[in-house]
C-alpha atoms as a PDB file:
ATOM      1  CA  UNK A   1      55.889  87.707 210.723  1.00  0.00           C
ATOM      2  CA  UNK A   2      57.555  88.724 213.668  1.00  0.00           C
ATOM      3  CA  UNK A   3      54.951  89.562 215.774  1.00  0.00           C
ATOM      4  CA  UNK A   4      52.872  85.764 215.050  1.00  0.00           C
ATOM      5  CA  UNK A   5      56.285  83.613 215.494  1.00  0.00           C
ATOM      6  CA  UNK A   6      57.431  83.149 211.897  1.00  0.00           C
ATOM      7  CA  UNK A   7      60.977  84.504 212.198  1.00  0.00           C
ATOM      8  CA  UNK A   8      62.701  85.317 215.619  1.00  0.00           C
ATOM      9  CA  UNK A   9      61.511  87.814 217.655  1.00  0.00           C
ATOM     10  CA  UNK A  10      64.912  89.585 217.826  1.00  0.00           C
ATOM     11  CA  UNK A  11      63.818  90.579 213.842  1.00  0.00           C
ATOM     12  CA  UNK A  12      61.371  93.176 215.392  1.00  0.00           C
ATOM     13  CA  UNK A  13      63.984  95.748 215.387  1.00  0.00           C
ATOM     14  CA  UNK A  14      64.435  95.490 211.817  1.00  0.00           C
ATOM     15  CA  UNK A  15      60.580  95.621 211.293  1.00  0.00           C
ATOM     16  CA  UNK A  16      60.303  99.106 213.639  1.00  0.00           C
ATOM     17  CA  UNK A  17      62.046 101.192 210.769  1.00  0.00           C
ATOM     18  CA  UNK A  18      59.479  99.919 208.249  1.00  0.00           C
ATOM     19  CA  UNK A  19      56.337 100.661 210.202  1.00  0.00           C
ATOM     20  CA  UNK A  20      57.720 103.951 211.409  1.00  0.00           C
ATOM     21  CA  UNK A  21      59.079 105.149 207.929  1.00  0.00           C
ATOM     22  CA  UNK A  22      57.513 103.352 205.112  1.00  0.00           C
ATOM     23  CA  UNK A  23      54.067 103.700 206.843  1.00  0.00           C
ATOM     24  CA  UNK A  24      53.273 106.204 209.363  1.00  0.00           C
ATOM     25  CA  UNK A  25      55.428 109.013 208.396  1.00  0.00           C
ATOM     26  CA  UNK A  26      54.352 108.811 204.706  1.00  0.00           C
ATOM     27  CA  UNK A  27      50.483 108.760 205.950  1.00  0.00           C
ATOM     28  CA  UNK A  28      51.192 111.504 208.005  1.00  0.00           C
ATOM     29  CA  UNK A  29      52.318 113.543 204.745  1.00  0.00           C
ATOM     30  CA  UNK A  30      49.479 112.294 202.954  1.00  0.00           C
ATOM     31  CA  UNK A  31      46.887 113.563 205.636  1.00  0.00           C
ATOM     32  CA  UNK A  32      48.422 116.970 205.149  1.00  0.00           C
ATOM     33  CA  UNK A  33      48.332 116.906 201.933  1.00  0.00           C
ATOM     34  CA  UNK A  34      44.611 115.756 201.446  1.00  0.00           C
ATOM     35  CA  UNK A  35      43.755 118.541 203.984  1.00  0.00           C
ATOM     36  CA  UNK A  36      45.468 121.151 201.582  1.00  0.00           C
ATOM     37  CA  UNK A  37      43.396 119.390 198.736  1.00  0.00           C
ATOM     38  CA  UNK A  38      40.242 119.665 200.844  1.00  0.00           C
ATOM     39  CA  UNK A  39      39.828 116.114 200.962  1.00  0.00           C
ATOM     40  CA  UNK A  40      38.332 115.772 204.334  1.00  0.00           C
ATOM     41  CA  UNK A  41      37.485 111.583 204.379  1.00  0.00           C
ATOM     42  CA  UNK A  42      40.380 110.864 202.893  1.00  0.00           C
ATOM     43  CA  UNK A  43      42.592 113.227 205.500  1.00  0.00           C
ATOM     44  CA  UNK A  44      40.492 111.400 208.272  1.00  0.00           C
ATOM     45  CA  UNK A  45      41.041 107.763 206.978  1.00  0.00           C
ATOM     46  CA  UNK A  46      45.062 108.058 206.694  1.00  0.00           C
ATOM     47  CA  UNK A  47      45.282 109.989 209.705  1.00  0.00           C
ATOM     48  CA  UNK A  48      44.130 107.107 211.489  1.00  0.00           C
ATOM     49  CA  UNK A  49      46.014 104.666 209.759  1.00  0.00           C
ATOM     50  CA  UNK A  50      48.921 106.685 210.301  1.00  0.00           C
ATOM     51  CA  UNK A  51      48.360 107.104 214.241  1.00  0.00           C
ATOM     52  CA  UNK A  52      48.195 103.024 214.239  1.00  0.00           C
ATOM     53  CA  UNK A  53      51.276 102.533 212.330  1.00  0.00           C
ATOM     54  CA  UNK A  54      53.256 105.088 214.581  1.00  0.00           C
ATOM     55  CA  UNK A  55      51.934 103.961 217.696  1.00  0.00           C
ATOM     56  CA  UNK A  56      52.663 100.309 216.778  1.00  0.00           C
ATOM     57  CA  UNK A  57      56.134 101.446 215.871  1.00  0.00           C
ATOM     58  CA  UNK A  58      56.572 103.322 219.427  1.00  0.00           C
ATOM     59  CA  UNK A  59      55.278  99.996 220.980  1.00  0.00           C
ATOM     60  CA  UNK A  60      57.500  98.031 219.274  1.00  0.00           C
ATOM     61  CA  UNK A  61      60.629 100.361 220.345  1.00  0.00           C
ATOM     62  CA  UNK A  62      59.312 100.619 223.526  1.00  0.00           C
ATOM     63  CA  UNK A  63      58.736  96.511 224.077  1.00  0.00           C
ATOM     64  CA  UNK A  64      62.548  96.260 222.188  1.00  0.00           C
ATOM     65  CA  UNK A  65      64.231  98.645 224.748  1.00  0.00           C
ATOM     66  CA  UNK A  66      62.451  98.104 227.894  1.00  0.00           C
ATOM     67  CA  UNK A  67      60.955 101.825 228.014  1.00  0.00           C
ATOM     68  CA  UNK A  68      57.935 100.329 229.672  1.00  0.00           C
ATOM     69  CA  UNK A  69      59.542  98.318 232.388  1.00  0.00           C
ATOM     70  CA  UNK A  70      58.350  94.783 230.616  1.00  0.00           C
ATOM     71  CA  UNK A  71      61.340  92.723 231.054  1.00  0.00           C
ATOM     72  CA  UNK A  72      62.859  91.767 227.756  1.00  0.00           C
ATOM     73  CA  UNK A  73      62.087  87.940 228.436  1.00  0.00           C
ATOM     74  CA  UNK A  74      58.433  88.602 228.390  1.00  0.00           C
ATOM     75  CA  UNK A  75      58.515  91.118 225.658  1.00  0.00           C
ATOM     76  CA  UNK A  76      60.053  88.804 222.857  1.00  0.00           C
ATOM     77  CA  UNK A  77      56.628  86.754 223.216  1.00  0.00           C
ATOM     78  CA  UNK A  78      53.246  87.795 222.389  1.00  0.00           C
ATOM     79  CA  UNK A  79      53.061  89.927 225.393  1.00  0.00           C
ATOM     80  CA  UNK A  80      49.758  91.369 227.161  1.00  0.00           C
ATOM     81  CA  UNK A  81      50.910  94.941 225.869  1.00  0.00           C
ATOM     82  CA  UNK A  82      50.480  93.702 222.233  1.00  0.00           C
ATOM     83  CA  UNK A  83      47.275  91.987 223.015  1.00  0.00           C
ATOM     84  CA  UNK A  84      46.073  94.885 224.589  1.00  0.00           C
ATOM     85  CA  UNK A  85      47.482  97.066 221.747  1.00  0.00           C
ATOM     86  CA  UNK A  86      45.762  95.267 218.819  1.00  0.00           C
ATOM     87  CA  UNK A  87      42.596  94.988 221.085  1.00  0.00           C
ATOM     88  CA  UNK A  88      42.362  98.774 221.566  1.00  0.00           C
ATOM     89  CA  UNK A  89      42.708  99.384 218.148  1.00  0.00           C
ATOM     90  CA  UNK A  90      40.218  96.820 216.653  1.00  0.00           C
ATOM     91  CA  UNK A  91      37.836  98.440 218.503  1.00  0.00           C
ATOM     92  CA  UNK A  92      38.612 101.805 217.453  1.00  0.00           C
ATOM     93  CA  UNK A  93      38.272 100.428 214.030  1.00  0.00           C
ATOM     94  CA  UNK A  94      34.952  98.768 214.727  1.00  0.00           C
ATOM     95  CA  UNK A  95      33.752 101.883 216.055  1.00  0.00           C
ATOM     96  CA  UNK A  96      34.661 103.649 213.250  1.00  0.00           C
ATOM     97  CA  UNK A  97      33.123 101.343 210.531  1.00  0.00           C
ATOM     98  CA  UNK A  98      29.543 100.509 212.112  1.00  0.00           C
ATOM     99  CA  UNK A  99      28.740 104.240 211.585  1.00  0.00           C
ATOM    100  CA  UNK A 100      30.150 104.367 207.949  1.00  0.00           C
ATOM    101  CA  UNK A 101      28.163 101.309 207.056  1.00  0.00           C
ATOM    102  CA  UNK A 102      24.945 102.662 208.691  1.00  0.00           C
ATOM    103  CA  UNK A 103      25.529 105.899 206.769  1.00  0.00           C
ATOM    104  CA  UNK A 104      25.499 104.216 203.476  1.00  0.00           C
ATOM    105  CA  UNK A 105      22.298 104.213 201.432  1.00  0.00           C
END
């Protein structure tokens, strides 16, 4: 909701811990668990999603703290960095989905 403007942009600081701990780290644990159980496709899927959530947390923390050299005034709105991030991940997921759809009988 903070990324699309429903709540104030300053609320992004509250969103980052949820992404980081609630999604990214727990999916890394699930990935390791799936590897130990021999469930390779489950491990691949969860590792991809954990990469998304952890990189989103890093992007939001970097924008909030000025790690990337983007001014805080432009980081509070939809910046080109966020747009590029979501476009890149959308392309990756499309590239992963197409072979899976072709593989199904």
